[in-house]
Amino acid sequence: MTTITTLISVNERLRLIAIFFMLLFALGAHAEDPVDLFQQIQSLQSQMNIEITGLERIQDEEKVITRGNLDQQIEQLLVSFNHITSRNAKGRIERIVIINKKQKSEVDQIVLPTSVQGNHFVVSVDFTGNGVLWLSQDMIIDTGADIVVLPESMIDQLGLTDYPFSKQKMQTANGPTEAKIGKLKELKMAGESIENVDVAFIADSLLGKNRLLGMSVLGRYQININDKTQLITLFKK
């Protein structure tokens, strides 16, 4: 009996010790999680091992949701600030000088982190057909497409099953087809929200895995593409 009691006691102690260390780990992870823009930039400064001056000019700024690699993230965090970025001969960021916060009239831009798929830039986009059902997709930047183009299989997933689509002939890379034309209630990219976006749904067999971010979104902006950083900046018209 004594042996069993002792074994239970030891097991209970081990369980309590494990719980204790799990709580310590959780609290430590939470404490390291940046709570505002200042801490986000400090964290990236440490990860990238770069010098950033002028951080004292960033005060009481809310945390920003970022995507992409570290270079892309730092550019997204500083999009609302006039700053100078110095790079070495290999194109690696070495130093950033934060000058001041842009005036509101200067902030009308969106910085999109991208990846490359063949000869195309790809961005991450969230969108909904009815405002309730959302999808997150990687989409090809396609200035040659008049509107956003998605596969027909997404109609139900976006809550557009009963939408009164119109029909329109479209030319695709795999030949002509009849598309279902409608509207997305909302589309989000890099924190920017765009409403009432024209969209065409075509047969999955013709579109394959491609989803095209066309001019029904891009046409609302002036586009600047930086091949070196793989960043696309959209300036509101």
C-alpha atoms as a PDB file:
ATOM      1  CA  MET A   1       0.000   0.000   0.000  1.00  0.00           C
ATOM      2  CA  THR A   2       2.799   2.385   0.889  1.00  0.00           C
ATOM      3  CA  THR A   3       4.548   1.734  -2.433  1.00  0.00           C
ATOM      4  CA  ILE A   4       1.369   2.447  -4.442  1.00  0.00           C
ATOM      5  CA  THR A   5       0.682   5.633  -2.469  1.00  0.00           C
ATOM      6  CA  THR A   6       4.245   6.827  -2.985  1.00  0.00           C
ATOM      7  CA  LEU A   7       4.049   6.097  -6.728  1.00  0.00           C
ATOM      8  CA  ILE A   8       0.814   8.068  -7.044  1.00  0.00           C
ATOM      9  CA  SER A   9       2.351  10.910  -5.087  1.00  0.00           C
ATOM     10  CA  VAL A  10       5.397  10.994  -7.379  1.00  0.00           C
ATOM     11  CA  ASN A  11       3.245  10.913 -10.509  1.00  0.00           C
ATOM     12  CA  GLU A  12       1.112  13.750  -9.172  1.00  0.00           C
ATOM     13  CA  ARG A  13       4.172  15.819  -8.432  1.00  0.00           C
ATOM     14  CA  LEU A  14       5.518  15.229 -11.923  1.00  0.00           C
ATOM     15  CA  ARG A  15       2.180  16.239 -13.413  1.00  0.00           C
ATOM     16  CA  LEU A  16       2.131  19.458 -11.360  1.00  0.00           C
ATOM     17  CA  ILE A  17       5.715  20.256 -12.347  1.00  0.00           C
ATOM     18  CA  ALA A  18       4.860  19.723 -16.037  1.00  0.00           C
ATOM     19  CA  ILE A  19       1.847  22.024 -15.739  1.00  0.00           C
ATOM     20  CA  PHE A  20       3.993  24.635 -13.998  1.00  0.00           C
ATOM     21  CA  PHE A  21       6.567  24.696 -16.794  1.00  0.00           C
ATOM     22  CA  MET A  22       3.837  24.774 -19.470  1.00  0.00           C
ATOM     23  CA  LEU A  23       2.360  27.848 -17.795  1.00  0.00           C
ATOM     24  CA  LEU A  24       5.780  29.484 -17.613  1.00  0.00           C
ATOM     25  CA  PHE A  25       6.327  28.801 -21.323  1.00  0.00           C
ATOM     26  CA  ALA A  26       2.909  30.177 -22.255  1.00  0.00           C
ATOM     27  CA  LEU A  27       3.460  33.321 -20.186  1.00  0.00           C
ATOM     28  CA  GLY A  28       6.904  33.795 -21.671  1.00  0.00           C
ATOM     29  CA  ALA A  29       5.613  33.403 -25.244  1.00  0.00           C
ATOM     30  CA  HIS A  30       2.832  35.874 -24.522  1.00  0.00           C
ATOM     31  CA  ALA A  31       5.249  38.383 -23.028  1.00  0.00           C
ATOM     32  CA  GLU A  32       7.425  38.231 -26.165  1.00  0.00           C
ATOM     33  CA  ASP A  33       4.516  38.724 -28.546  1.00  0.00           C
ATOM     34  CA  PRO A  34       4.641  42.345 -29.799  1.00  0.00           C
ATOM     35  CA  VAL A  35       1.678  44.373 -28.593  1.00  0.00           C
ATOM     36  CA  ASP A  36       2.165  47.460 -30.779  1.00  0.00           C
ATOM     37  CA  LEU A  37       3.998  48.742 -33.860  1.00  0.00           C
ATOM     38  CA  PHE A  38       7.026  49.851 -31.826  1.00  0.00           C
ATOM     39  CA  GLN A  39       7.587  46.348 -30.451  1.00  0.00           C
ATOM     40  CA  GLN A  40       6.968  44.772 -33.879  1.00  0.00           C
ATOM     41  CA  ILE A  41       9.738  46.886 -35.428  1.00  0.00           C
ATOM     42  CA  GLN A  42      12.071  46.177 -32.507  1.00  0.00           C
ATOM     43  CA  SER A  43      11.476  42.446 -32.953  1.00  0.00           C
ATOM     44  CA  LEU A  44      12.242  42.579 -36.689  1.00  0.00           C
ATOM     45  CA  GLN A  45      15.314  44.709 -36.024  1.00  0.00           C
ATOM     46  CA  SER A  46      16.650  41.938 -33.803  1.00  0.00           C
ATOM     47  CA  GLN A  47      15.732  39.136 -36.216  1.00  0.00           C
ATOM     48  CA  MET A  48      17.261  40.912 -39.225  1.00  0.00           C
ATOM     49  CA  ASN A  49      20.297  42.187 -37.279  1.00  0.00           C
ATOM     50  CA  ILE A  50      19.955  45.671 -38.747  1.00  0.00           C
ATOM     51  CA  GLU A  51      20.295  49.201 -37.372  1.00  0.00           C
ATOM     52  CA  ILE A  52      17.118  51.260 -37.110  1.00  0.00           C
ATOM     53  CA  THR A  53      17.295  54.874 -35.951  1.00  0.00           C
ATOM     54  CA  GLY A  54      14.356  57.155 -35.256  1.00  0.00           C
ATOM     55  CA  LEU A  55      12.313  54.549 -33.390  1.00  0.00           C
ATOM     56  CA  GLU A  56      11.440  57.229 -30.835  1.00  0.00           C
ATOM     57  CA  ARG A  57       9.262  58.778 -33.549  1.00  0.00           C
ATOM     58  CA  ILE A  58       6.913  55.791 -33.360  1.00  0.00           C
ATOM     59  CA  GLN A  59       4.625  56.166 -30.377  1.00  0.00           C
ATOM     60  CA  ASP A  60       1.198  54.743 -29.566  1.00  0.00           C
ATOM     61  CA  GLU A  61       0.833  53.121 -32.992  1.00  0.00           C
ATOM     62  CA  GLU A  62      -1.357  50.026 -33.257  1.00  0.00           C
ATOM     63  CA  LYS A  63       0.007  46.626 -34.206  1.00  0.00           C
ATOM     64  CA  VAL A  64      -0.017  45.902 -37.949  1.00  0.00           C
ATOM     65  CA  ILE A  65      -0.808  42.517 -39.522  1.00  0.00           C
ATOM     66  CA  THR A  66       1.996  41.603 -41.933  1.00  0.00           C
ATOM     67  CA  ARG A  67       2.759  38.833 -44.387  1.00  0.00           C
ATOM     68  CA  GLY A  68       5.748  37.711 -46.386  1.00  0.00           C
ATOM     69  CA  ASN A  69       9.476  37.538 -45.648  1.00  0.00           C
ATOM     70  CA  LEU A  70      11.272  39.813 -43.160  1.00  0.00           C
ATOM     71  CA  ASP A  71      12.150  42.473 -45.783  1.00  0.00           C
ATOM     72  CA  GLN A  72       8.524  42.632 -46.886  1.00  0.00           C
ATOM     73  CA  GLN A  73       7.263  42.795 -43.321  1.00  0.00           C
ATOM     74  CA  ILE A  74       9.504  45.718 -42.339  1.00  0.00           C
ATOM     75  CA  GLU A  75       8.322  47.680 -45.402  1.00  0.00           C
ATOM     76  CA  GLN A  76       4.687  47.043 -44.448  1.00  0.00           C
ATOM     77  CA  LEU A  77       5.309  48.179 -40.872  1.00  0.00           C
ATOM     78  CA  LEU A  78       6.917  51.430 -42.052  1.00  0.00           C
ATOM     79  CA  VAL A  79       4.463  52.260 -44.832  1.00  0.00           C
ATOM     80  CA  SER A  80       2.985  55.138 -42.785  1.00  0.00           C
ATOM     81  CA  PHE A  81       6.405  56.671 -42.082  1.00  0.00           C
ATOM     82  CA  ASN A  82       8.874  58.537 -44.260  1.00  0.00           C
ATOM     83  CA  HIS A  83      12.064  56.512 -44.011  1.00  0.00           C
ATOM     84  CA  ILE A  84      15.356  55.784 -45.769  1.00  0.00           C
ATOM     85  CA  THR A  85      16.541  52.209 -46.326  1.00  0.00           C
ATOM     86  CA  SER A  86      20.242  51.493 -46.924  1.00  0.00           C
ATOM     87  CA  ARG A  87      21.283  48.210 -48.528  1.00  0.00           C
ATOM     88  CA  ASN A  88      24.669  46.593 -49.106  1.00  0.00           C
ATOM     89  CA  ALA A  89      26.057  45.418 -52.437  1.00  0.00           C
ATOM     90  CA  LYS A  90      24.086  42.169 -52.146  1.00  0.00           C
ATOM     91  CA  GLY A  91      20.801  44.039 -51.681  1.00  0.00           C
ATOM     92  CA  ARG A  92      20.505  43.143 -47.989  1.00  0.00           C
ATOM     93  CA  ILE A  93      19.049  45.804 -45.680  1.00  0.00           C
ATOM     94  CA  GLU A  94      21.709  47.191 -43.334  1.00  0.00           C
ATOM     95  CA  ARG A  95      20.189  50.350 -41.913  1.00  0.00           C
ATOM     96  CA  ILE A  96      16.847  52.147 -41.769  1.00  0.00           C
ATOM     97  CA  VAL A  97      16.360  55.763 -40.738  1.00  0.00           C
ATOM     98  CA  ILE A  98      12.824  56.701 -39.689  1.00  0.00           C
ATOM     99  CA  ILE A  99      12.285  60.385 -40.465  1.00  0.00           C
ATOM    100  CA  ASN A 100       8.703  61.180 -39.485  1.00  0.00           C
ATOM    101  CA  LYS A 101       5.118  60.031 -39.821  1.00  0.00           C
ATOM    102  CA  LYS A 102       3.481  60.749 -43.141  1.00  0.00           C
ATOM    103  CA  GLN A 103       0.574  63.127 -43.294  1.00  0.00           C
ATOM    104  CA  LYS A 104      -2.798  61.494 -43.919  1.00  0.00           C
ATOM    105  CA  SER A 105      -2.777  62.605 -47.547  1.00  0.00           C
ATOM    106  CA  GLU A 106       0.484  60.661 -48.016  1.00  0.00           C
ATOM    107  CA  VAL A 107      -0.732  57.359 -46.612  1.00  0.00           C
ATOM    108  CA  ASP A 108      -3.106  56.430 -49.421  1.00  0.00           C
ATOM    109  CA  GLN A 109      -1.138  53.376 -50.435  1.00  0.00           C
ATOM    110  CA  ILE A 110      -1.064  49.641 -49.826  1.00  0.00           C
ATOM    111  CA  VAL A 111       2.100  47.549 -49.727  1.00  0.00           C
ATOM    112  CA  LEU A 112       1.549  43.978 -50.900  1.00  0.00           C
ATOM    113  CA  PRO A 113       4.111  41.264 -50.094  1.00  0.00           C
ATOM    114  CA  THR A 114       4.333  38.851 -53.015  1.00  0.00           C
ATOM    115  CA  SER A 115       5.826  35.566 -54.088  1.00  0.00           C
ATOM    116  CA  VAL A 116       6.755  34.601 -57.644  1.00  0.00           C
ATOM    117  CA  GLN A 117       4.999  31.930 -59.686  1.00  0.00           C
ATOM    118  CA  GLY A 118       6.672  31.570 -63.056  1.00  0.00           C
ATOM    119  CA  ASN A 119       6.629  35.058 -64.541  1.00  0.00           C
ATOM    120  CA  HIS A 120       3.821  36.248 -62.291  1.00  0.00           C
ATOM    121  CA  PHE A 121       3.568  37.910 -58.904  1.00  0.00           C
ATOM    122  CA  VAL A 122       1.243  36.211 -56.418  1.00  0.00           C
ATOM    123  CA  VAL A 123      -0.452  37.881 -53.433  1.00  0.00           C
ATOM    124  CA  SER A 124      -2.526  36.533 -50.562  1.00  0.00           C
ATOM    125  CA  VAL A 125      -6.149  37.708 -50.641  1.00  0.00           C
ATOM    126  CA  ASP A 126      -9.242  37.137 -48.477  1.00  0.00           C
ATOM    127  CA  PHE A 127     -12.696  37.538 -50.030  1.00  0.00           C
ATOM    128  CA  THR A 128     -16.377  36.840 -49.487  1.00  0.00           C
ATOM    129  CA  GLY A 129     -19.406  36.624 -51.718  1.00  0.00           C
ATOM    130  CA  ASN A 130     -22.109  37.216 -49.128  1.00  0.00           C
ATOM    131  CA  GLY A 131     -20.222  38.757 -46.196  1.00  0.00           C
ATOM    132  CA  VAL A 132     -20.463  35.539 -44.137  1.00  0.00           C
ATOM    133  CA  LEU A 133     -18.417  32.863 -45.906  1.00  0.00           C
ATOM    134  CA  TRP A 134     -14.778  33.843 -46.492  1.00  0.00           C
ATOM    135  CA  LEU A 135     -11.940  32.225 -48.438  1.00  0.00           C
ATOM    136  CA  SER A 136      -8.203  32.918 -48.345  1.00  0.00           C
ATOM    137  CA  GLN A 137      -6.391  32.369 -51.624  1.00  0.00           C
ATOM    138  CA  ASP A 138      -3.105  33.141 -53.366  1.00  0.00           C
ATOM    139  CA  MET A 139      -3.974  35.151 -56.482  1.00  0.00           C
ATOM    140  CA  ILE A 140      -1.960  36.091 -59.559  1.00  0.00           C
ATOM    141  CA  ILE A 141      -1.573  39.828 -60.238  1.00  0.00           C
ATOM    142  CA  ASP A 142      -3.033  40.067 -63.753  1.00  0.00           C
ATOM    143  CA  THR A 143      -3.374  43.543 -65.254  1.00  0.00           C
ATOM    144  CA  GLY A 144      -4.550  41.875 -68.477  1.00  0.00           C
ATOM    145  CA  ALA A 145      -7.709  40.549 -66.818  1.00  0.00           C
ATOM    146  CA  ASP A 146     -10.615  43.004 -66.786  1.00  0.00           C
ATOM    147  CA  ILE A 147     -12.036  41.582 -63.548  1.00  0.00           C
ATOM    148  CA  VAL A 148     -11.249  39.079 -60.797  1.00  0.00           C
ATOM    149  CA  VAL A 149     -11.456  35.510 -62.155  1.00  0.00           C
ATOM    150  CA  LEU A 150     -12.228  32.507 -59.937  1.00  0.00           C
ATOM    151  CA  PRO A 151     -13.206  28.851 -60.531  1.00  0.00           C
ATOM    152  CA  GLU A 152     -16.909  27.909 -60.545  1.00  0.00           C
ATOM    153  CA  SER A 153     -16.350  25.513 -57.649  1.00  0.00           C
ATOM    154  CA  MET A 154     -15.991  28.534 -55.339  1.00  0.00           C
ATOM    155  CA  ILE A 155     -19.514  29.824 -55.968  1.00  0.00           C
ATOM    156  CA  ASP A 156     -21.079  27.728 -53.212  1.00  0.00           C
ATOM    157  CA  GLN A 157     -18.102  28.228 -50.890  1.00  0.00           C
ATOM    158  CA  LEU A 158     -18.563  32.001 -51.123  1.00  0.00           C
ATOM    159  CA  GLY A 159     -22.294  31.914 -50.398  1.00  0.00           C
ATOM    160  CA  LEU A 160     -23.287  32.840 -53.955  1.00  0.00           C
ATOM    161  CA  THR A 161     -25.359  29.763 -54.778  1.00  0.00           C
ATOM    162  CA  ASP A 162     -28.530  31.803 -55.443  1.00  0.00           C
ATOM    163  CA  TYR A 163     -26.795  34.846 -56.964  1.00  0.00           C
ATOM    164  CA  PRO A 164     -28.437  36.117 -60.218  1.00  0.00           C
ATOM    165  CA  PHE A 165     -25.339  35.786 -62.401  1.00  0.00           C
ATOM    166  CA  SER A 166     -25.205  37.201 -65.899  1.00  0.00           C
ATOM    167  CA  LYS A 167     -23.403  35.322 -68.697  1.00  0.00           C
ATOM    168  CA  GLN A 168     -20.493  36.645 -70.717  1.00  0.00           C
ATOM    169  CA  LYS A 169     -18.083  35.203 -73.281  1.00  0.00           C
ATOM    170  CA  MET A 170     -14.452  35.296 -72.107  1.00  0.00           C
ATOM    171  CA  GLN A 171     -11.146  34.355 -73.676  1.00  0.00           C
ATOM    172  CA  THR A 172      -8.869  32.216 -71.500  1.00  0.00           C
ATOM    173  CA  ALA A 173      -5.421  30.721 -72.053  1.00  0.00           C
ATOM    174  CA  ASN A 174      -7.220  27.432 -72.771  1.00  0.00           C
ATOM    175  CA  GLY A 175      -9.705  28.919 -75.219  1.00  0.00           C
ATOM    176  CA  PRO A 176     -13.034  30.807 -75.162  1.00  0.00           C
ATOM    177  CA  THR A 177     -15.653  30.051 -72.534  1.00  0.00           C
ATOM    178  CA  GLU A 178     -18.880  31.374 -71.063  1.00  0.00           C
ATOM    179  CA  ALA A 179     -18.343  32.951 -67.636  1.00  0.00           C
ATOM    180  CA  LYS A 180     -20.770  33.682 -64.831  1.00  0.00           C
ATOM    181  CA  ILE A 181     -20.462  37.368 -63.909  1.00  0.00           C
ATOM    182  CA  GLY A 182     -21.306  38.631 -60.438  1.00  0.00           C
ATOM    183  CA  LYS A 183     -19.927  40.601 -57.496  1.00  0.00           C
ATOM    184  CA  LEU A 184     -17.925  39.803 -54.399  1.00  0.00           C
ATOM    185  CA  LYS A 185     -19.273  41.638 -51.385  1.00  0.00           C
ATOM    186  CA  GLU A 186     -15.796  42.339 -50.019  1.00  0.00           C
ATOM    187  CA  LEU A 187     -12.138  41.619 -50.698  1.00  0.00           C
ATOM    188  CA  LYS A 188      -9.223  42.227 -48.338  1.00  0.00           C
ATOM    189  CA  MET A 189      -5.492  42.393 -49.008  1.00  0.00           C
ATOM    190  CA  ALA A 190      -2.774  43.694 -46.674  1.00  0.00           C
ATOM    191  CA  GLY A 191      -5.451  45.106 -44.399  1.00  0.00           C
ATOM    192  CA  GLU A 192      -7.193  47.067 -47.174  1.00  0.00           C
ATOM    193  CA  SER A 193     -10.909  46.380 -47.639  1.00  0.00           C
ATOM    194  CA  ILE A 194     -12.508  46.711 -51.089  1.00  0.00           C
ATOM    195  CA  GLU A 195     -16.254  46.313 -51.564  1.00  0.00           C
ATOM    196  CA  ASN A 196     -18.461  45.315 -54.513  1.00  0.00           C
ATOM    197  CA  VAL A 197     -15.790  43.709 -56.662  1.00  0.00           C
ATOM    198  CA  ASP A 198     -16.766  42.463 -60.133  1.00  0.00           C
ATOM    199  CA  VAL A 199     -15.892  38.785 -60.549  1.00  0.00           C
ATOM    200  CA  ALA A 200     -16.096  36.130 -63.238  1.00  0.00           C
ATOM    201  CA  PHE A 201     -16.466  32.440 -62.444  1.00  0.00           C
ATOM    202  CA  ILE A 202     -15.313  29.982 -65.091  1.00  0.00           C
ATOM    203  CA  ALA A 203     -14.961  26.207 -65.301  1.00  0.00           C
ATOM    204  CA  ASP A 204     -12.277  24.789 -63.029  1.00  0.00           C
ATOM    205  CA  SER A 205     -10.870  22.738 -65.906  1.00  0.00           C
ATOM    206  CA  LEU A 206     -10.054  25.939 -67.803  1.00  0.00           C
ATOM    207  CA  LEU A 207      -8.667  27.933 -64.875  1.00  0.00           C
ATOM    208  CA  GLY A 208      -6.753  25.144 -63.155  1.00  0.00           C
ATOM    209  CA  LYS A 209      -5.219  26.281 -59.882  1.00  0.00           C
ATOM    210  CA  ASN A 210      -5.010  29.896 -61.010  1.00  0.00           C
ATOM    211  CA  ARG A 211      -7.014  32.691 -59.381  1.00  0.00           C
ATOM    212  CA  LEU A 212      -6.627  36.043 -61.109  1.00  0.00           C
ATOM    213  CA  LEU A 213      -6.619  39.418 -59.353  1.00  0.00           C
ATOM    214  CA  GLY A 214      -7.761  41.586 -62.241  1.00  0.00           C
ATOM    215  CA  MET A 215      -8.516  45.231 -62.932  1.00  0.00           C
ATOM    216  CA  SER A 216     -11.833  45.324 -61.037  1.00  0.00           C
ATOM    217  CA  VAL A 217      -9.469  45.583 -58.047  1.00  0.00           C
ATOM    218  CA  LEU A 218      -6.146  46.778 -59.485  1.00  0.00           C
ATOM    219  CA  GLY A 219      -7.794  49.424 -61.666  1.00  0.00           C
ATOM    220  CA  ARG A 220      -8.684  51.391 -58.535  1.00  0.00           C
ATOM    221  CA  TYR A 221      -4.975  52.068 -57.937  1.00  0.00           C
ATOM    222  CA  GLN A 222      -1.763  53.135 -59.575  1.00  0.00           C
ATOM    223  CA  ILE A 223       0.653  50.200 -59.381  1.00  0.00           C
ATOM    224  CA  ASN A 224       4.371  50.255 -58.560  1.00  0.00           C
ATOM    225  CA  ILE A 225       6.240  46.933 -58.753  1.00  0.00           C
ATOM    226  CA  ASN A 226       9.656  46.518 -57.088  1.00  0.00           C
ATOM    227  CA  ASP A 227      11.312  43.436 -58.584  1.00  0.00           C
ATOM    228  CA  LYS A 228      14.166  43.488 -56.056  1.00  0.00           C
ATOM    229  CA  THR A 229      12.031  43.400 -52.905  1.00  0.00           C
ATOM    230  CA  GLN A 230       9.101  41.616 -54.602  1.00  0.00           C
ATOM    231  CA  LEU A 231       6.793  44.255 -53.169  1.00  0.00           C
ATOM    232  CA  ILE A 232       3.862  45.811 -55.017  1.00  0.00           C
ATOM    233  CA  THR A 233       2.696  49.230 -53.860  1.00  0.00           C
ATOM    234  CA  LEU A 234      -0.811  50.316 -54.783  1.00  0.00           C
ATOM    235  CA  PHE A 235      -1.491  54.068 -54.682  1.00  0.00           C
ATOM    236  CA  LYS A 236      -5.111  55.059 -54.324  1.00  0.00           C
ATOM    237  CA  LYS A 237      -6.367  57.134 -57.227  1.00  0.00           C
END
